[in-house]
């Protein structure tokens, strides 16, 4: 559970994720794009544990990436993306779906190809 007690919505803008922060005052915040993000990044999945927020996404280059920040810093402060899965460009292209697996402390990713 997010310590901030806010609602976050991640919208796919086809060039980078837009994170909307919904509070009683209607604040809006935009996640900063990591310097090493791929040219086209799509299919964003946000997963949290007790300390961090993880942003998983697909590039159009055969890679699935993960970036993270501390819960209290979200939606800003995302780290440079790390490659989680890598393959041929048209084998791993889009449709990344990452889910938290209950009671295991792990995440699972499926990629549509």
N, C-alpha and C. Protein backbone atom coordinates (compact mmCIF):
# COMPACT_ATOMS: atom_id res chain seq x y z
N UNK A 1 0.85 -1.18 0.00
CA UNK A 1 0.00 0.00 0.00
C UNK A 1 0.89 1.24 0.00
N UNK A 2 0.52 2.22 -0.81
CA UNK A 2 1.30 3.45 -0.87
C UNK A 2 1.13 4.27 0.39
N UNK A 3 2.24 4.67 0.95
CA UNK A 3 2.22 5.46 2.18
C UNK A 3 1.63 6.85 1.95
N UNK A 4 1.60 7.31 0.72
CA UNK A 4 1.15 8.67 0.41
C UNK A 4 -0.37 8.81 0.45
N UNK A 5 -1.10 7.71 0.42
CA UNK A 5 -2.56 7.71 0.42
C UNK A 5 -3.12 8.56 -0.71
N UNK A 6 -2.56 8.36 -1.89
CA UNK A 6 -3.02 9.02 -3.10
C UNK A 6 -3.36 7.96 -4.12
N UNK A 7 -4.08 8.35 -5.14
CA UNK A 7 -4.37 7.47 -6.25
C UNK A 7 -3.53 7.91 -7.43
N UNK A 8 -2.86 6.95 -8.08
CA UNK A 8 -2.03 7.24 -9.24
C UNK A 8 -2.59 6.52 -10.45
N UNK A 9 -2.61 7.19 -11.57
CA UNK A 9 -3.05 6.61 -12.83
C UNK A 9 -1.90 6.79 -13.83
N UNK A 10 -1.51 5.70 -14.50
CA UNK A 10 -0.45 5.77 -15.51
C UNK A 10 -1.11 5.68 -16.88
N UNK A 11 -0.90 6.71 -17.70
CA UNK A 11 -1.49 6.79 -19.03
C UNK A 11 -0.40 6.62 -20.07
N UNK A 12 -0.64 5.80 -21.07
CA UNK A 12 0.30 5.57 -22.16
C UNK A 12 0.14 6.68 -23.19
N UNK A 13 1.18 7.54 -23.31
CA UNK A 13 1.16 8.63 -24.29
C UNK A 13 1.96 8.29 -25.55
N UNK A 14 2.31 7.01 -25.72
CA UNK A 14 3.06 6.48 -26.86
C UNK A 14 4.48 6.98 -26.97
N UNK A 15 4.91 7.86 -26.11
CA UNK A 15 6.30 8.30 -26.10
C UNK A 15 6.89 8.19 -24.71
N UNK A 16 6.04 8.27 -23.69
CA UNK A 16 6.47 8.12 -22.30
C UNK A 16 5.22 8.04 -21.43
N UNK A 17 5.34 7.48 -20.24
CA UNK A 17 4.17 7.39 -19.38
C UNK A 17 3.86 8.75 -18.75
N UNK A 18 2.59 9.03 -18.63
CA UNK A 18 2.12 10.22 -17.91
C UNK A 18 1.48 9.71 -16.64
N UNK A 19 1.96 10.15 -15.49
CA UNK A 19 1.42 9.72 -14.21
C UNK A 19 0.57 10.84 -13.64
N UNK A 20 -0.70 10.54 -13.42
CA UNK A 20 -1.61 11.50 -12.80
C UNK A 20 -1.73 11.17 -11.33
N UNK A 21 -1.56 12.16 -10.49
CA UNK A 21 -1.69 11.99 -9.05
C UNK A 21 -3.02 12.62 -8.64
N UNK A 22 -3.91 11.82 -8.10
CA UNK A 22 -5.22 12.32 -7.74
C UNK A 22 -5.31 12.46 -6.22
N UNK A 23 -5.56 13.68 -5.78
CA UNK A 23 -5.78 13.94 -4.36
C UNK A 23 -7.00 14.83 -4.25
N UNK A 24 -7.32 15.22 -3.06
CA UNK A 24 -8.46 16.10 -2.84
C UNK A 24 -8.29 17.44 -3.56
N UNK A 25 -7.04 17.82 -3.83
CA UNK A 25 -6.77 19.09 -4.50
C UNK A 25 -6.62 18.93 -6.01
N UNK A 26 -6.66 17.69 -6.51
CA UNK A 26 -6.56 17.46 -7.93
C UNK A 26 -5.17 17.71 -8.50
N UNK A 27 -4.12 17.43 -7.74
CA UNK A 27 -2.75 17.63 -8.22
C UNK A 27 -2.43 16.72 -9.38
N UNK A 28 -1.56 17.17 -10.27
CA UNK A 28 -1.09 16.36 -11.39
C UNK A 28 0.43 16.38 -11.37
N UNK A 29 1.05 15.20 -11.47
CA UNK A 29 2.51 15.11 -11.53
C UNK A 29 2.90 14.25 -12.72
N UNK A 30 4.01 14.57 -13.35
CA UNK A 30 4.49 13.81 -14.49
C UNK A 30 5.80 13.15 -14.12
N UNK A 31 5.90 11.85 -14.38
CA UNK A 31 7.13 11.13 -14.10
C UNK A 31 8.22 11.62 -15.05
N UNK A 32 9.41 11.81 -14.52
CA UNK A 32 10.54 12.24 -15.33
C UNK A 32 11.03 11.06 -16.17
N UNK A 33 11.36 11.32 -17.41
CA UNK A 33 11.85 10.28 -18.29
C UNK A 33 13.30 9.97 -17.98
N UNK A 34 13.62 8.71 -17.67
CA UNK A 34 15.02 8.36 -17.44
C UNK A 34 15.86 8.65 -18.68
N UNK A 35 17.08 9.08 -18.48
CA UNK A 35 17.96 9.46 -19.60
C UNK A 35 18.19 8.31 -20.57
N UNK A 36 18.22 7.09 -20.08
CA UNK A 36 18.52 5.97 -20.96
C UNK A 36 17.28 5.20 -21.41
N UNK A 37 16.12 5.84 -21.36
CA UNK A 37 14.90 5.18 -21.83
C UNK A 37 15.01 4.92 -23.33
N UNK A 38 14.41 3.81 -23.81
CA UNK A 38 14.45 3.55 -25.25
C UNK A 38 13.67 4.60 -26.03
N UNK A 39 13.89 4.63 -27.32
CA UNK A 39 13.25 5.62 -28.20
C UNK A 39 11.72 5.56 -28.09
N UNK A 40 11.18 4.37 -28.13
CA UNK A 40 9.73 4.19 -28.00
C UNK A 40 9.50 3.21 -26.87
N UNK A 41 8.86 3.67 -25.79
CA UNK A 41 8.55 2.78 -24.68
C UNK A 41 7.06 2.80 -24.43
N UNK A 42 6.51 1.59 -24.28
CA UNK A 42 5.06 1.41 -24.22
C UNK A 42 4.71 0.34 -23.19
N UNK A 43 3.42 0.16 -22.96
CA UNK A 43 2.89 -0.91 -22.12
C UNK A 43 3.43 -0.85 -20.70
N UNK A 44 3.02 0.15 -19.96
CA UNK A 44 3.54 0.40 -18.62
C UNK A 44 2.76 -0.37 -17.56
N UNK A 45 3.50 -0.97 -16.63
CA UNK A 45 2.91 -1.68 -15.49
C UNK A 45 3.61 -1.19 -14.24
N UNK A 46 2.84 -0.75 -13.27
CA UNK A 46 3.39 -0.24 -12.01
C UNK A 46 3.06 -1.22 -10.90
N UNK A 47 4.10 -1.64 -10.16
CA UNK A 47 3.94 -2.60 -9.07
C UNK A 47 4.70 -2.06 -7.86
N UNK A 48 4.13 -2.24 -6.68
CA UNK A 48 4.75 -1.74 -5.45
C UNK A 48 5.03 -2.88 -4.48
N UNK A 49 6.08 -2.70 -3.69
CA UNK A 49 6.27 -3.54 -2.50
C UNK A 49 6.28 -2.58 -1.31
N UNK A 50 6.81 -2.99 -0.19
CA UNK A 50 6.78 -2.14 1.00
C UNK A 50 7.65 -0.90 0.89
N UNK A 51 8.66 -0.92 0.03
CA UNK A 51 9.62 0.18 -0.02
C UNK A 51 9.74 0.89 -1.36
N UNK A 52 9.41 0.19 -2.46
CA UNK A 52 9.66 0.75 -3.80
C UNK A 52 8.46 0.62 -4.73
N UNK A 53 8.47 1.48 -5.73
CA UNK A 53 7.53 1.41 -6.85
C UNK A 53 8.35 1.00 -8.06
N UNK A 54 7.88 -0.01 -8.79
CA UNK A 54 8.57 -0.52 -9.97
C UNK A 54 7.74 -0.21 -11.21
N UNK A 55 8.38 0.31 -12.24
CA UNK A 55 7.73 0.58 -13.51
C UNK A 55 8.33 -0.37 -14.54
N UNK A 56 7.50 -1.30 -15.04
CA UNK A 56 7.91 -2.22 -16.10
C UNK A 56 7.35 -1.70 -17.41
N UNK A 57 8.10 -1.80 -18.49
CA UNK A 57 7.62 -1.37 -19.79
C UNK A 57 8.39 -2.07 -20.90
N UNK A 58 7.81 -2.04 -22.10
CA UNK A 58 8.39 -2.66 -23.27
C UNK A 58 8.97 -1.59 -24.18
N UNK A 59 10.12 -1.85 -24.77
CA UNK A 59 10.66 -1.00 -25.82
C UNK A 59 10.28 -1.60 -27.16
N UNK A 60 10.51 -0.88 -28.24
CA UNK A 60 10.24 -1.45 -29.56
C UNK A 60 11.51 -2.10 -30.12
N UNK A 61 12.38 -2.54 -29.23
CA UNK A 61 13.70 -3.05 -29.60
C UNK A 61 13.96 -4.46 -29.10
N UNK A 62 12.91 -5.20 -28.73
CA UNK A 62 13.09 -6.56 -28.25
C UNK A 62 13.46 -6.66 -26.78
N UNK A 63 13.17 -5.63 -26.01
CA UNK A 63 13.54 -5.63 -24.59
C UNK A 63 12.37 -5.22 -23.70
N UNK A 64 12.35 -5.81 -22.50
CA UNK A 64 11.45 -5.39 -21.43
C UNK A 64 12.34 -4.79 -20.35
N UNK A 65 11.93 -3.62 -19.84
CA UNK A 65 12.74 -2.86 -18.89
C UNK A 65 12.04 -2.75 -17.54
N UNK A 66 12.84 -2.44 -16.52
CA UNK A 66 12.32 -2.13 -15.18
C UNK A 66 13.05 -0.92 -14.65
N UNK A 67 12.29 0.01 -14.10
CA UNK A 67 12.83 1.18 -13.43
C UNK A 67 12.17 1.23 -12.05
N UNK A 68 12.83 1.88 -11.08
CA UNK A 68 12.22 1.92 -9.75
C UNK A 68 12.53 3.23 -9.04
N UNK A 69 11.73 3.50 -8.02
CA UNK A 69 11.95 4.64 -7.13
C UNK A 69 11.38 4.27 -5.77
N UNK A 70 11.79 5.00 -4.75
CA UNK A 70 11.22 4.79 -3.41
C UNK A 70 9.76 5.24 -3.42
N UNK A 71 8.94 4.58 -2.64
CA UNK A 71 7.51 4.90 -2.61
C UNK A 71 7.28 6.39 -2.34
N UNK A 72 8.00 6.97 -1.39
CA UNK A 72 7.79 8.38 -1.06
C UNK A 72 8.24 9.33 -2.15
N UNK A 73 9.05 8.87 -3.10
CA UNK A 73 9.53 9.72 -4.20
C UNK A 73 8.65 9.60 -5.45
N UNK A 74 7.79 8.58 -5.51
CA UNK A 74 6.95 8.36 -6.69
C UNK A 74 5.97 9.50 -6.89
N UNK A 75 5.77 9.98 -8.12
CA UNK A 75 6.16 9.41 -9.40
C UNK A 75 7.50 9.91 -9.93
N UNK A 76 8.19 10.71 -9.17
CA UNK A 76 9.49 11.22 -9.63
C UNK A 76 10.60 10.29 -9.14
N UNK A 77 11.81 10.51 -9.62
CA UNK A 77 12.97 9.79 -9.13
C UNK A 77 13.14 8.39 -9.69
N UNK A 78 12.50 8.08 -10.82
CA UNK A 78 12.65 6.74 -11.39
C UNK A 78 14.09 6.52 -11.82
N UNK A 79 14.63 5.36 -11.52
CA UNK A 79 16.01 5.03 -11.88
C UNK A 79 16.13 4.80 -13.38
N UNK A 80 17.37 4.80 -13.88
CA UNK A 80 17.58 4.42 -15.26
C UNK A 80 17.08 2.99 -15.44
N UNK A 81 16.44 2.71 -16.56
CA UNK A 81 15.87 1.37 -16.77
C UNK A 81 16.94 0.29 -16.85
N UNK A 82 16.60 -0.88 -16.30
CA UNK A 82 17.42 -2.08 -16.41
C UNK A 82 16.70 -3.03 -17.37
N UNK A 83 17.45 -3.77 -18.15
CA UNK A 83 16.86 -4.75 -19.06
C UNK A 83 16.48 -5.99 -18.26
N UNK A 84 15.21 -6.39 -18.33
CA UNK A 84 14.73 -7.59 -17.64
C UNK A 84 14.68 -8.79 -18.57
N UNK A 85 14.22 -8.55 -19.78
CA UNK A 85 14.07 -9.61 -20.78
C UNK A 85 14.59 -9.05 -22.10
N UNK A 86 15.31 -9.88 -22.85
CA UNK A 86 15.85 -9.42 -24.13
C UNK A 86 15.73 -10.53 -25.16
N UNK A 87 15.33 -10.16 -26.37
CA UNK A 87 15.20 -11.11 -27.46
C UNK A 87 15.22 -10.39 -28.79
N UNK A 88 14.77 -11.07 -29.83
CA UNK A 88 14.69 -10.44 -31.15
C UNK A 88 13.61 -9.37 -31.13
N UNK A 89 13.82 -8.32 -31.93
CA UNK A 89 12.92 -7.17 -31.90
C UNK A 89 11.46 -7.56 -32.10
N UNK A 90 11.15 -8.39 -33.05
CA UNK A 90 9.75 -8.72 -33.31
C UNK A 90 9.26 -9.95 -32.54
N UNK A 91 10.13 -10.55 -31.72
CA UNK A 91 9.69 -11.60 -30.81
C UNK A 91 9.23 -11.01 -29.48
N UNK A 92 9.91 -9.97 -29.04
CA UNK A 92 9.53 -9.25 -27.81
C UNK A 92 9.31 -7.81 -28.23
N UNK A 93 8.07 -7.50 -28.57
CA UNK A 93 7.80 -6.20 -29.18
C UNK A 93 6.86 -5.35 -28.33
N UNK A 94 5.73 -5.90 -27.97
CA UNK A 94 4.78 -5.15 -27.16
C UNK A 94 3.85 -6.12 -26.45
N UNK A 95 3.02 -5.60 -25.61
CA UNK A 95 2.08 -6.44 -24.87
C UNK A 95 2.65 -6.97 -23.57
N UNK A 96 3.68 -6.33 -23.04
CA UNK A 96 4.25 -6.71 -21.76
C UNK A 96 3.19 -6.57 -20.67
N UNK A 97 3.04 -7.61 -19.87
CA UNK A 97 2.12 -7.58 -18.72
C UNK A 97 2.88 -8.11 -17.51
N UNK A 98 3.07 -7.30 -16.50
CA UNK A 98 3.81 -7.72 -15.31
C UNK A 98 2.89 -7.63 -14.10
N UNK A 99 2.86 -8.69 -13.33
CA UNK A 99 1.99 -8.78 -12.17
C UNK A 99 2.78 -9.18 -10.93
N UNK A 100 2.34 -8.71 -9.80
CA UNK A 100 2.90 -9.14 -8.52
C UNK A 100 2.26 -10.49 -8.17
N UNK A 101 3.09 -11.46 -7.81
CA UNK A 101 2.59 -12.78 -7.46
C UNK A 101 2.38 -12.84 -5.95
N UNK A 102 1.14 -12.96 -5.56
CA UNK A 102 0.74 -12.89 -4.15
C UNK A 102 1.54 -13.85 -3.26
N UNK A 103 1.97 -13.32 -2.13
CA UNK A 103 2.64 -14.10 -1.08
C UNK A 103 3.97 -14.72 -1.50
N UNK A 104 4.60 -14.24 -2.57
CA UNK A 104 5.88 -14.81 -3.00
C UNK A 104 7.01 -13.80 -2.99
N UNK A 105 6.70 -12.51 -2.99
CA UNK A 105 7.73 -11.49 -3.08
C UNK A 105 8.34 -11.40 -4.47
N UNK A 106 7.67 -11.96 -5.46
CA UNK A 106 8.18 -11.93 -6.83
C UNK A 106 7.14 -11.38 -7.79
N UNK A 107 7.59 -11.04 -8.99
CA UNK A 107 6.72 -10.58 -10.06
C UNK A 107 6.84 -11.54 -11.23
N UNK A 108 5.79 -11.63 -12.02
CA UNK A 108 5.80 -12.47 -13.22
C UNK A 108 5.48 -11.61 -14.43
N UNK A 109 6.16 -11.85 -15.54
CA UNK A 109 5.94 -11.07 -16.75
C UNK A 109 5.59 -11.98 -17.91
N UNK A 110 4.56 -11.59 -18.64
CA UNK A 110 4.20 -12.26 -19.89
C UNK A 110 4.33 -11.23 -21.00
N UNK A 111 4.82 -11.65 -22.15
CA UNK A 111 4.99 -10.75 -23.29
C UNK A 111 4.23 -11.33 -24.47
N UNK A 112 3.34 -10.53 -25.04
CA UNK A 112 2.61 -10.93 -26.23
C UNK A 112 3.55 -10.86 -27.43
N UNK A 113 3.57 -11.90 -28.23
CA UNK A 113 4.37 -11.85 -29.46
C UNK A 113 3.67 -12.61 -30.55
